[in-house]
C-alpha atoms as a PDB file:
ATOM      1  CA  MET A   1       8.992  11.404 -11.691  1.00  0.00           C
ATOM      2  CA  GLY A   2      12.389  11.374 -13.516  1.00  0.00           C
ATOM      3  CA  LYS A   3      14.217   8.305 -14.673  1.00  0.00           C
ATOM      4  CA  ARG A   4      12.174   5.065 -14.562  1.00  0.00           C
ATOM      5  CA  GLU A   5      13.580   2.561 -12.092  1.00  0.00           C
ATOM      6  CA  GLU A   6      13.754  -1.126 -12.738  1.00  0.00           C
ATOM      7  CA  ARG A   7      10.585  -2.754 -11.440  1.00  0.00           C
ATOM      8  CA  SER A   8      10.008  -5.850  -9.471  1.00  0.00           C
ATOM      9  CA  TRP A   9       6.630  -7.589  -9.678  1.00  0.00           C
ATOM     10  CA  THR A  10       4.660  -8.832  -6.690  1.00  0.00           C
ATOM     11  CA  THR A  11       1.108  -9.831  -5.967  1.00  0.00           C
ATOM     12  CA  VAL A  12      -0.751  -8.086  -3.126  1.00  0.00           C
ATOM     13  CA  ALA A  13      -3.997  -9.445  -1.811  1.00  0.00           C
ATOM     14  CA  ILE A  14      -6.432  -6.733  -0.481  1.00  0.00           C
ATOM     15  CA  ASP A  15      -9.961  -6.916   0.591  1.00  0.00           C
ATOM     16  CA  LYS A  16     -12.915  -5.388  -1.355  1.00  0.00           C
ATOM     17  CA  LYS A  17     -13.069  -2.275   0.809  1.00  0.00           C
ATOM     18  CA  GLN A  18      -9.383  -1.564   0.176  1.00  0.00           C
ATOM     19  CA  ALA A  19      -9.797  -2.078  -3.520  1.00  0.00           C
ATOM     20  CA  HIS A  20     -12.803   0.277  -3.536  1.00  0.00           C
ATOM     21  CA  PHE A  21     -10.698   2.846  -1.669  1.00  0.00           C
ATOM     22  CA  LEU A  22      -8.017   2.733  -4.397  1.00  0.00           C
ATOM     23  CA  ASP A  23     -10.742   2.885  -7.159  1.00  0.00           C
ATOM     24  CA  ASN A  24     -12.183   5.992  -5.476  1.00  0.00           C
ATOM     25  CA  ILE A  25      -8.796   7.768  -5.412  1.00  0.00           C
ATOM     26  CA  SER A  26      -8.452   6.970  -9.152  1.00  0.00           C
ATOM     27  CA  LYS A  27     -11.921   8.079 -10.050  1.00  0.00           C
ATOM     28  CA  ASN A  28     -11.609  11.368  -7.994  1.00  0.00           C
ATOM     29  CA  ALA A  29      -8.453  12.264  -9.840  1.00  0.00           C
ATOM     30  CA  ARG A  30     -10.012  11.582 -13.180  1.00  0.00           C
ATOM     31  CA  PHE A  31     -13.337  13.340 -12.527  1.00  0.00           C
ATOM     32  CA  THR A  32     -11.757  16.478 -11.098  1.00  0.00           C
ATOM     33  CA  GLY A  33      -9.558  17.348 -14.033  1.00  0.00           C
ATOM     34  CA  GLY A  34      -6.700  14.900 -13.539  1.00  0.00           C
ATOM     35  CA  ARG A  35      -6.230  11.555 -15.098  1.00  0.00           C
ATOM     36  CA  LYS A  36      -7.245   7.993 -14.002  1.00  0.00           C
ATOM     37  CA  LEU A  37      -4.514   6.426 -11.800  1.00  0.00           C
ATOM     38  CA  SER A  38      -3.947   2.735 -11.703  1.00  0.00           C
ATOM     39  CA  LYS A  39      -4.102   0.890  -8.427  1.00  0.00           C
ATOM     40  CA  THR A  40      -0.449   0.097  -8.938  1.00  0.00           C
ATOM     41  CA  ALA A  41       0.535   3.747  -9.295  1.00  0.00           C
ATOM     42  CA  ILE A  42      -1.396   4.515  -6.179  1.00  0.00           C
ATOM     43  CA  MET A  43       0.350   1.746  -4.226  1.00  0.00           C
ATOM     44  CA  ARG A  44       3.785   2.850  -5.464  1.00  0.00           C
ATOM     45  CA  THR A  45       3.055   6.324  -4.260  1.00  0.00           C
ATOM     46  CA  LEU A  46       1.920   5.130  -0.867  1.00  0.00           C
ATOM     47  CA  ILE A  47       5.141   3.172  -0.498  1.00  0.00           C
ATOM     48  CA  ARG A  48       7.230   6.228  -1.482  1.00  0.00           C
ATOM     49  CA  VAL A  49       5.437   8.253   1.169  1.00  0.00           C
ATOM     50  CA  ALA A  50       5.837   5.510   3.700  1.00  0.00           C
ATOM     51  CA  LYS A  51       9.536   5.406   3.012  1.00  0.00           C
ATOM     52  CA  ARG A  52       9.851   8.983   4.230  1.00  0.00           C
ATOM     53  CA  LEU A  53       8.425   8.151   7.594  1.00  0.00           C
ATOM     54  CA  ASP A  54      10.441   6.872  10.471  1.00  0.00           C
ATOM     55  CA  VAL A  55       8.419   3.737  11.162  1.00  0.00           C
ATOM     56  CA  ASP A  56       9.514   1.731  14.138  1.00  0.00           C
ATOM     57  CA  ALA A  57       8.707  -1.934  13.324  1.00  0.00           C
ATOM     58  CA  ASN A  58      10.809  -3.367  16.147  1.00  0.00           C
ATOM     59  CA  GLU A  59       8.900  -6.085  17.956  1.00  0.00           C
ATOM     60  CA  VAL A  60       5.838  -5.668  15.728  1.00  0.00           C
ATOM     61  CA  LYS A  61       3.876  -8.916  15.701  1.00  0.00           C
ATOM     62  CA  SER A  62       0.670  -8.022  13.951  1.00  0.00           C
ATOM     63  CA  GLU A  63      -0.801  -5.851  11.228  1.00  0.00           C
ATOM     64  CA  GLU A  64      -2.580  -3.840  13.871  1.00  0.00           C
ATOM     65  CA  GLN A  65       0.629  -3.093  15.620  1.00  0.00           C
ATOM     66  CA  LEU A  66       2.315  -2.164  12.325  1.00  0.00           C
ATOM     67  CA  LYS A  67      -0.571   0.228  11.465  1.00  0.00           C
ATOM     68  CA  LYS A  68      -0.040   1.916  14.918  1.00  0.00           C
ATOM     69  CA  SER A  69       3.624   2.310  14.164  1.00  0.00           C
ATOM     70  CA  PHE A  70       2.870   3.947  10.842  1.00  0.00           C
ATOM     71  CA  LEU A  71       0.306   6.257  12.359  1.00  0.00           C
ATOM     72  CA  ALA A  72       2.679   7.282  15.136  1.00  0.00           C
ATOM     73  CA  ALA A  73       5.397   7.960  12.538  1.00  0.00           C
ATOM     74  CA  PHE A  74       2.974   9.996  10.463  1.00  0.00           C
ATOM     75  CA  GLU A  75       2.042  12.131  13.574  1.00  0.00           C
ATOM     76  CA  LYS A  76       5.760  12.861  14.175  1.00  0.00           C
ATOM     77  CA  TYR A  77       6.257  13.766  10.541  1.00  0.00           C
ATOM     78  CA  LYS A  78       3.517  16.316  10.597  1.00  0.00           C
END
């Protein structure tokens, strides 16, 4: 990962299904020969990936619209 960047702390509220999803990623890594990953590390990685996408958030008014913008950007990236 290289040089460690200065970090900013924030609180993110997620529902139980989302937390379970992150836990499963961590457990899968650990039980298949990798190491346990923290939810924070997984979230940082998701943000790094999202930064590479050309997400159009113009006129987005809801989480659902934002999700569609991310998915569209992901499809273009593939």
